[in-house]
Amino acid sequence: MPAIHWRFGAVSAALAIAALTSSGALAQKKYDTGATDTEIKIGNIMPYSGPASAYGVIGKTEQAYFNKINAEGGINGRKITFISYDDGYSPPKTVEQARKLVESDEVLFIFNPLGTPPNSAIQKYMNSKKVPQLFVATGATKWNDPKEFPWTMGWQPNYQSETQIYAKYILKNKPDARIAVLYQNDDYGKDYLKGLKDGLGAKAASMIVMEESYEVSEPTIDSHIVKLKSTGADVFMNITTPKFAAQAIKKNAEIEWKPLHFLNNVSASIGSVIMPAGFAASQDIISSAYLKDTSDPQWKNDAGMKAFDEFLTKYFPEGNRVDASVMYGYTVAQGLVHVLKACGDDLTRENVMKQAASIKDLELGGLLPGIKVNTSATDFAPISQVQLERFTGKSWVLFGEILNGDVGG
């Protein structure tokens, strides 16, 4: 009898263990294509070549940051495999690379692909495939549209909000301004332009004396600057990507046109724009910021900046410390790591989007004090706060309060 009891006991114990393992730890692990017990495969598309190649360093910074995460044990024990392709800032090429990442490389999602036209070209494809197009590297307003595009989410403050803030500043401080606008002739440039007009309201028609567009294929924008100066404008709204921003600042100085100069945030990098254009030519330009300026001595003893410097020293020594794109790549990579950690063992595409849309008051070391990351199921704009800054001497100097402003897609 004791032997029979023992057998029943052993069987019961075995069944109990089987039940626990099937409903417990093993069952809790959920994976979609691109995720396993040991790996999270992430895709990325960057303009490593072409007219927007100054942004290519973002992808290199992200790779370096994921190397750091992997060296420290990965995300919940899983290593990140980061596959980043060049699209030359050419939308047809972006489509090709997105298909390759999703269908051949079988990534879990595409993270931080850069540029408004490139992301516009793949948005419908990514949503039809139900693959996250996560934390896109563009501030176009349309990324905050969870109802129509539930698989696409932005990251940085949106363009329309930014130019609305500039418009309010102009209306308050220079109500009789004559505004000349230079903008890139694509969705990115037009989004900024719309924000400016919306911000000026009824006064837009009388205050904007010229809207001049350029193509990214143009080698130089010098002739556009000369044309804008001829209008007699005393405010210059510079809506350009880094290469052309540096050209515009240089040309302004060369022809001695000294309007009140607003430069969009995406080209406010000291390393890739201001230094090539020259410090003397860049004095008093106004822009906006949400990231700490690495050249600003006020952050010398800041814990977040110290961590950034340690990262550069150990994992990305070739990175240009004063290139704002390096700080951008570092910070958005931290944002992604937060999301992946929150996913736990449920690494499905649906849960990645769910966790990305559940961020509450996340503070990251590279963000300005007071600026936090927040998302919800109805708000796909993670960062919506900025502070105005003026270029003085050899650095940006912040002024005014933290400003809030979101425009839905």
Protein backbone atom coordinates (compact mmCIF):
# COMPACT_ATOMS: atom_id res chain seq x y z
CA MET A 1 0.00 0.00 0.00
CA PRO A 2 2.69 2.55 0.87
CA ALA A 3 4.25 1.95 -2.57
CA ILE A 4 0.91 2.62 -4.31
CA HIS A 5 0.40 5.81 -2.29
CA TRP A 6 3.87 6.92 -3.24
CA ARG A 7 3.15 6.37 -6.95
CA PHE A 8 -0.06 8.38 -6.74
CA GLY A 9 1.80 11.08 -4.85
CA ALA A 10 4.56 11.19 -7.44
CA VAL A 11 2.04 11.35 -10.29
CA SER A 12 0.13 14.14 -8.51
CA ALA A 13 3.33 16.09 -7.96
CA ALA A 14 4.37 15.61 -11.58
CA LEU A 15 0.96 16.81 -12.77
CA ALA A 16 1.14 19.81 -10.46
CA ILE A 17 4.60 20.74 -11.77
CA ALA A 18 3.42 20.32 -15.37
CA ALA A 19 0.40 22.51 -14.70
CA LEU A 20 2.56 25.19 -13.11
CA THR A 21 5.06 25.25 -15.97
CA SER A 22 2.40 25.28 -18.66
CA SER A 23 0.36 28.07 -17.08
CA GLY A 24 3.28 29.84 -15.44
CA ALA A 25 6.64 31.03 -16.67
CA LEU A 26 6.59 29.21 -20.01
CA ALA A 27 3.08 30.33 -20.91
CA GLN A 28 3.86 33.91 -19.99
CA LYS A 29 6.49 34.16 -22.70
CA LYS A 30 4.90 35.47 -25.88
CA TYR A 31 6.88 36.21 -29.00
CA ASP A 32 6.21 37.56 -32.46
CA THR A 33 8.66 37.30 -35.35
CA GLY A 34 11.93 38.94 -34.32
CA ALA A 35 11.93 37.98 -30.64
CA THR A 36 13.16 34.83 -28.83
CA ASP A 37 14.44 33.82 -25.41
CA THR A 38 17.83 35.25 -26.33
CA GLU A 39 17.29 37.99 -28.95
CA ILE A 40 15.26 41.07 -29.88
CA LYS A 41 15.73 41.94 -33.54
CA ILE A 42 15.20 45.64 -34.33
CA GLY A 43 15.21 47.34 -37.74
CA ASN A 44 16.24 50.91 -38.54
CA ILE A 45 16.51 53.12 -41.64
CA MET A 46 18.86 56.15 -41.78
CA PRO A 47 20.24 58.52 -44.43
CA TYR A 48 23.87 57.48 -44.12
CA SER A 49 24.35 59.01 -47.58
CA GLY A 50 22.65 61.79 -49.55
CA PRO A 51 21.49 65.32 -48.66
CA ALA A 52 20.50 64.48 -45.08
CA SER A 53 23.57 62.37 -44.25
CA ALA A 54 24.40 64.62 -41.27
CA TYR A 55 21.67 62.68 -39.46
CA GLY A 56 23.36 59.32 -40.11
CA VAL A 57 25.21 59.62 -36.80
CA ILE A 58 21.87 59.01 -35.03
CA GLY A 59 21.86 55.40 -36.22
CA LYS A 60 25.52 54.96 -35.24
CA THR A 61 24.80 56.34 -31.76
CA GLU A 62 21.85 53.98 -31.33
CA GLN A 63 24.00 51.00 -32.35
CA ALA A 64 26.61 52.07 -29.78
CA TYR A 65 23.94 52.41 -27.07
CA PHE A 66 22.54 48.95 -27.80
CA ASN A 67 26.12 47.61 -27.62
CA LYS A 68 26.22 49.09 -24.11
CA ILE A 69 22.91 47.45 -23.17
CA ASN A 70 24.09 44.09 -24.53
CA ALA A 71 27.38 44.35 -22.64
CA GLU A 72 25.38 44.92 -19.46
CA GLY A 73 23.28 41.78 -19.98
CA GLY A 74 20.66 42.92 -22.49
CA ILE A 75 16.95 43.50 -21.94
CA ASN A 76 15.54 40.97 -19.48
CA GLY A 77 18.38 38.66 -20.56
CA ARG A 78 17.87 39.16 -24.30
CA LYS A 79 20.48 40.75 -26.57
CA ILE A 80 19.48 43.40 -29.11
CA THR A 81 20.33 42.78 -32.75
CA PHE A 82 20.16 46.17 -34.50
CA ILE A 83 19.92 46.09 -38.29
CA SER A 84 20.28 49.55 -39.81
CA TYR A 85 20.09 50.31 -43.54
CA ASP A 86 20.83 53.40 -45.65
CA ASP A 87 18.04 54.96 -47.71
CA GLY A 88 19.86 58.14 -48.77
CA TYR A 89 16.75 60.11 -47.67
CA SER A 90 15.02 58.74 -50.78
CA PRO A 91 11.43 57.51 -50.14
CA PRO A 92 11.48 54.74 -52.82
CA LYS A 93 14.65 53.38 -51.21
CA THR A 94 12.99 53.61 -47.77
CA VAL A 95 10.15 51.41 -49.01
CA GLU A 96 12.66 48.89 -50.32
CA GLN A 97 14.58 48.81 -47.02
CA ALA A 98 11.40 48.56 -44.91
CA ARG A 99 10.22 45.55 -46.90
CA LYS A 100 13.65 43.95 -46.52
CA LEU A 101 13.64 44.47 -42.75
CA VAL A 102 10.10 43.15 -42.27
CA GLU A 103 9.97 40.35 -44.84
CA SER A 104 13.59 39.13 -45.12
CA ASP A 105 15.29 40.09 -41.86
CA GLU A 106 12.05 39.49 -39.95
CA VAL A 107 12.56 42.22 -37.34
CA LEU A 108 10.13 42.65 -34.45
CA PHE A 109 9.65 46.31 -35.42
CA ILE A 110 11.30 49.29 -37.12
CA PHE A 111 12.67 51.87 -34.69
CA ASN A 112 13.42 55.56 -35.29
CA PRO A 113 13.50 55.60 -39.12
CA LEU A 114 14.47 59.14 -40.13
CA GLY A 115 12.74 61.82 -42.15
CA THR A 116 9.21 62.94 -42.96
CA PRO A 117 9.09 61.92 -46.67
CA PRO A 118 10.76 58.52 -45.98
CA ASN A 119 8.40 57.71 -43.09
CA SER A 120 5.37 58.89 -45.07
CA ALA A 121 6.35 56.44 -47.81
CA ILE A 122 6.25 53.42 -45.46
CA GLN A 123 3.48 54.40 -43.03
CA LYS A 124 0.63 52.56 -44.80
CA TYR A 125 2.80 49.49 -45.42
CA MET A 126 3.88 49.26 -41.76
CA ASN A 127 0.29 49.64 -40.55
CA SER A 128 -1.08 47.10 -43.03
CA LYS A 129 1.56 44.62 -41.81
CA LYS A 130 0.82 45.56 -38.17
CA VAL A 131 4.52 46.08 -37.52
CA PRO A 132 5.42 48.98 -35.17
CA GLN A 133 6.98 52.03 -36.82
CA LEU A 134 8.17 53.23 -33.47
CA PHE A 135 9.53 56.61 -32.29
CA VAL A 136 10.03 57.92 -35.84
CA ALA A 137 12.80 60.51 -36.19
CA THR A 138 10.66 63.35 -37.53
CA GLY A 139 8.39 65.84 -35.82
CA ALA A 140 5.64 65.82 -38.44
CA THR A 141 2.25 66.19 -36.80
CA LYS A 142 0.73 63.20 -38.58
CA TRP A 143 2.58 60.62 -36.46
CA ASN A 144 0.20 61.44 -33.61
CA ASP A 145 -2.82 59.73 -35.18
CA PRO A 146 -3.45 56.51 -33.22
CA LYS A 147 -6.93 56.08 -34.65
CA GLU A 148 -5.87 55.96 -38.32
CA PHE A 149 -2.31 54.68 -37.85
CA PRO A 150 -2.14 52.66 -34.60
CA TRP A 151 1.28 51.17 -35.50
CA THR A 152 3.10 54.51 -36.02
CA MET A 153 4.35 56.71 -33.17
CA GLY A 154 6.46 59.86 -33.10
CA TRP A 155 9.06 60.88 -30.53
CA GLN A 156 10.19 64.51 -30.64
CA PRO A 157 8.04 67.67 -30.29
CA ASN A 158 6.00 68.18 -33.43
CA TYR A 159 6.87 70.73 -36.10
CA GLN A 160 3.58 72.61 -36.13
CA SER A 161 3.72 73.22 -32.37
CA GLU A 162 7.30 74.48 -32.70
CA THR A 163 6.53 77.12 -35.33
CA GLN A 164 3.35 78.12 -33.49
CA ILE A 165 5.57 78.92 -30.51
CA TYR A 166 7.84 81.04 -32.76
CA ALA A 167 4.76 82.78 -34.17
CA LYS A 168 3.56 83.70 -30.67
CA TYR A 169 7.00 85.11 -29.88
CA ILE A 170 6.96 87.22 -33.06
CA LEU A 171 3.43 88.54 -32.41
CA LYS A 172 4.43 89.56 -28.89
CA ASN A 173 7.92 90.97 -29.55
CA LYS A 174 7.78 92.10 -33.18
CA PRO A 175 4.13 92.67 -34.09
CA ASP A 176 4.97 94.62 -37.27
CA ALA A 177 7.41 91.99 -38.56
CA ARG A 178 7.95 91.30 -42.24
CA ILE A 179 8.65 87.57 -42.38
CA ALA A 180 10.58 85.73 -45.10
CA VAL A 181 10.30 81.93 -45.03
CA LEU A 182 12.70 79.39 -46.51
CA TYR A 183 11.37 75.83 -46.37
CA GLN A 184 12.19 72.41 -47.74
CA ASN A 185 9.65 71.48 -50.41
CA ASP A 186 8.27 68.31 -48.84
CA ASP A 187 5.96 67.21 -46.03
CA TYR A 188 8.53 68.19 -43.39
CA GLY A 189 8.87 71.78 -44.65
CA LYS A 190 5.14 72.22 -45.28
CA ASP A 191 4.28 70.98 -41.78
CA TYR A 192 6.48 73.67 -40.22
CA LEU A 193 5.02 76.30 -42.57
CA LYS A 194 1.46 75.37 -41.62
CA GLY A 195 2.31 75.74 -37.92
CA LEU A 196 3.74 79.22 -38.55
CA LYS A 197 0.63 80.34 -40.44
CA ASP A 198 -1.72 78.84 -37.84
CA GLY A 199 0.25 80.58 -35.09
CA LEU A 200 0.10 83.97 -36.82
CA GLY A 201 -3.59 83.49 -37.52
CA ALA A 202 -5.30 86.33 -39.38
CA LYS A 203 -2.01 88.24 -39.55
CA ALA A 204 -0.20 85.54 -41.55
CA ALA A 205 -1.19 86.95 -44.95
CA SER A 206 0.14 90.42 -44.20
CA MET A 207 3.21 89.46 -42.13
CA ILE A 208 4.67 86.76 -44.42
CA VAL A 209 6.18 88.66 -47.35
CA MET A 210 7.72 85.64 -49.11
CA GLU A 211 7.58 81.85 -48.96
CA GLU A 212 10.56 80.38 -50.78
CA SER A 213 10.98 76.62 -51.15
CA TYR A 214 14.02 74.56 -52.15
CA GLU A 215 14.53 70.95 -53.22
CA VAL A 216 16.85 68.59 -51.32
CA SER A 217 18.55 67.81 -54.63
CA GLU A 218 19.82 71.40 -54.97
CA PRO A 219 23.56 71.72 -54.23
CA THR A 220 23.19 75.18 -52.68
CA ILE A 221 20.45 77.53 -51.49
CA ASP A 222 22.48 80.75 -51.86
CA SER A 223 20.24 82.17 -54.60
CA HIS A 224 17.15 81.66 -52.41
CA ILE A 225 18.75 83.63 -49.57
CA VAL A 226 19.58 86.55 -51.89
CA LYS A 227 15.98 86.53 -53.13
CA LEU A 228 14.58 86.55 -49.58
CA LYS A 229 16.82 89.45 -48.55
CA SER A 230 15.50 91.52 -51.48
CA THR A 231 12.03 91.55 -49.86
CA GLY A 232 13.29 93.77 -47.05
CA ALA A 233 12.12 91.21 -44.50
CA ASP A 234 13.29 91.73 -40.92
CA VAL A 235 12.42 88.21 -39.71
CA PHE A 236 13.81 85.04 -41.31
CA MET A 237 12.11 81.70 -40.65
CA ASN A 238 14.72 79.08 -41.56
CA ILE A 239 13.00 75.70 -42.10
CA THR A 240 15.90 73.59 -43.36
CA THR A 241 17.83 70.38 -42.70
CA PRO A 242 21.47 70.66 -41.45
CA LYS A 243 23.38 70.98 -44.73
CA PHE A 244 21.13 73.78 -45.97
CA ALA A 245 20.82 75.42 -42.54
CA ALA A 246 24.60 75.90 -42.41
CA GLN A 247 24.55 77.32 -45.96
CA ALA A 248 21.77 79.77 -45.06
CA ILE A 249 23.55 81.07 -41.95
CA LYS A 250 26.79 81.51 -43.91
CA LYS A 251 25.11 83.28 -46.82
CA ASN A 252 23.20 85.64 -44.50
CA ALA A 253 26.51 86.78 -43.02
CA GLU A 254 28.15 87.04 -46.43
CA ILE A 255 25.46 89.37 -47.86
CA GLU A 256 25.04 91.15 -44.50
CA TRP A 257 21.38 90.33 -44.09
CA LYS A 258 20.65 90.55 -40.36
CA PRO A 259 16.99 89.74 -39.73
CA LEU A 260 15.68 88.20 -36.51
CA HIS A 261 16.58 84.61 -37.40
CA PHE A 262 14.55 81.57 -36.30
CA LEU A 263 16.13 78.17 -36.96
CA ASN A 264 14.05 74.99 -36.63
CA ASN A 265 15.10 72.65 -33.84
CA VAL A 266 16.09 69.80 -36.18
CA SER A 267 19.02 71.93 -37.38
CA ALA A 268 20.07 73.50 -34.10
CA SER A 269 23.10 71.22 -33.73
CA ILE A 270 26.31 73.09 -32.89
CA GLY A 271 28.45 70.28 -34.33
CA SER A 272 26.71 69.75 -37.68
CA VAL A 273 25.31 73.26 -38.36
CA ILE A 274 26.65 76.10 -36.20
CA MET A 275 30.34 75.18 -36.34
CA PRO A 276 30.38 74.69 -40.15
CA ALA A 277 28.50 78.00 -40.55
CA GLY A 278 30.74 79.82 -38.06
CA PHE A 279 30.09 81.12 -34.54
CA ALA A 280 30.25 84.77 -35.63
CA ALA A 281 27.60 84.24 -38.31
CA SER A 282 25.31 82.41 -35.87
CA GLN A 283 24.95 85.00 -33.10
CA ASP A 284 21.42 85.72 -31.81
CA ILE A 285 19.69 82.97 -33.80
CA ILE A 286 16.61 81.74 -31.92
CA SER A 287 15.60 78.09 -31.81
CA SER A 288 13.97 75.73 -29.34
CA ALA A 289 15.25 72.81 -27.31
CA TYR A 290 14.07 69.79 -25.40
CA LEU A 291 17.50 68.15 -25.08
CA LYS A 292 20.45 69.38 -23.02
CA ASP A 293 23.13 71.19 -25.03
CA THR A 294 26.38 69.31 -24.48
CA SER A 295 28.41 72.50 -24.98
CA ASP A 296 26.54 74.36 -22.22
CA PRO A 297 28.71 74.58 -19.06
CA GLN A 298 25.63 74.63 -16.82
CA TRP A 299 25.35 70.83 -17.26
CA LYS A 300 28.99 70.20 -16.27
CA ASN A 301 28.09 68.43 -13.02
CA ASP A 302 24.71 67.13 -14.16
CA ALA A 303 24.22 63.39 -13.52
CA GLY A 304 22.56 62.84 -16.90
CA MET A 305 25.41 64.56 -18.74
CA LYS A 306 28.02 62.60 -16.80
CA ALA A 307 26.31 59.35 -17.81
CA PHE A 308 26.25 60.53 -21.44
CA ASP A 309 29.97 61.31 -21.32
CA GLU A 310 30.74 57.91 -19.80
CA PHE A 311 28.75 56.26 -22.61
CA LEU A 312 30.70 58.19 -25.26
CA THR A 313 34.06 57.36 -23.69
CA LYS A 314 33.38 53.64 -23.41
CA TYR A 315 31.07 52.80 -26.33
CA PHE A 316 31.20 55.64 -28.88
CA PRO A 317 34.57 57.46 -28.61
CA GLU A 318 34.37 58.53 -32.27
CA GLY A 319 31.07 60.35 -31.64
CA ASN A 320 31.14 64.14 -31.90
CA ARG A 321 30.07 65.29 -28.43
CA VAL A 322 28.75 68.66 -29.64
CA ASP A 323 26.60 67.17 -32.42
CA ALA A 324 23.02 67.37 -31.12
CA SER A 325 22.16 64.29 -33.19
CA VAL A 326 24.38 62.19 -30.91
CA MET A 327 22.43 63.28 -27.83
CA TYR A 328 19.20 62.68 -29.77
CA GLY A 329 20.17 59.11 -30.69
CA TYR A 330 21.29 58.38 -27.13
CA THR A 331 18.04 59.67 -25.62
CA VAL A 332 15.60 57.98 -28.01
CA ALA A 333 17.50 54.70 -27.55
CA GLN A 334 16.98 55.08 -23.79
CA GLY A 335 13.28 55.61 -24.46
CA LEU A 336 13.13 52.36 -26.42
CA VAL A 337 14.97 50.43 -23.70
CA HIS A 338 12.32 51.66 -21.22
CA VAL A 339 9.57 50.27 -23.49
CA LEU A 340 11.29 46.92 -24.04
CA LYS A 341 11.89 46.43 -20.31
CA ALA A 342 8.21 47.17 -19.70
CA CYS A 343 7.28 44.46 -22.24
CA GLY A 344 8.77 41.80 -19.94
CA ASP A 345 8.37 38.37 -21.55
CA ASP A 346 5.51 39.51 -23.83
CA LEU A 347 7.50 40.55 -26.88
CA THR A 348 4.62 40.69 -29.31
CA ARG A 349 4.23 43.61 -31.69
CA GLU A 350 0.91 44.44 -30.06
CA ASN A 351 2.47 44.64 -26.60
CA VAL A 352 5.38 46.75 -27.85
CA MET A 353 2.84 49.36 -29.03
CA LYS A 354 0.80 48.96 -25.84
CA GLN A 355 3.83 49.67 -23.64
CA ALA A 356 4.97 52.53 -25.91
CA ALA A 357 1.51 54.06 -25.42
CA SER A 358 1.67 53.69 -21.62
CA ILE A 359 4.63 55.92 -20.70
CA LYS A 360 4.04 58.14 -17.65
CA ASP A 361 6.30 61.04 -16.67
CA LEU A 362 9.48 59.32 -17.87
CA GLU A 363 12.56 61.43 -17.17
CA LEU A 364 15.64 60.77 -19.28
CA GLY A 365 19.13 62.11 -18.61
CA GLY A 366 19.39 64.00 -21.91
CA LEU A 367 16.08 65.88 -21.59
CA LEU A 368 15.94 69.39 -20.16
CA PRO A 369 14.74 69.53 -16.52
CA GLY A 370 10.95 69.61 -16.42
CA ILE A 371 10.51 67.89 -19.78
CA LYS A 372 9.01 64.40 -19.45
CA VAL A 373 7.89 61.65 -21.78
CA ASN A 374 4.16 60.89 -21.70
CA THR A 375 1.96 58.81 -23.96
CA SER A 376 -1.47 57.18 -23.89
CA ALA A 377 -3.72 55.18 -26.19
CA THR A 378 -4.99 58.48 -27.60
CA ASP A 379 -1.72 60.46 -27.45
CA PHE A 380 1.14 59.24 -29.66
CA ALA A 381 3.30 62.37 -29.12
CA PRO A 382 5.83 61.33 -26.44
CA ILE A 383 7.56 64.71 -26.04
CA SER A 384 5.47 67.86 -26.31
CA GLN A 385 7.44 70.45 -24.33
CA VAL A 386 10.22 72.79 -25.45
CA GLN A 387 12.13 75.84 -24.22
CA LEU A 388 13.28 78.74 -26.40
CA GLU A 389 17.02 79.29 -26.77
CA ARG A 390 19.27 81.96 -28.30
CA PHE A 391 22.75 81.33 -29.70
CA THR A 392 25.21 83.49 -27.76
CA GLY A 393 29.00 83.26 -27.92
CA LYS A 394 29.68 79.58 -28.52
CA SER A 395 26.55 77.98 -27.08
CA TRP A 396 22.78 78.06 -26.90
CA VAL A 397 21.37 80.00 -23.95
CA LEU A 398 17.92 78.94 -22.75
CA PHE A 399 15.36 81.60 -21.92
CA GLY A 400 11.71 81.76 -20.86
CA GLU A 401 9.58 78.99 -19.44
CA ILE A 402 9.05 75.39 -20.53
CA LEU A 403 6.36 75.69 -23.21
CA ASN A 404 3.71 73.08 -23.94
CA GLY A 405 1.97 72.52 -27.23
CA ASP A 406 0.55 69.53 -29.04
CA VAL A 407 -1.19 69.39 -32.36
CA GLY A 408 -2.93 66.14 -33.23
CA GLY A 409 -2.42 64.37 -36.52
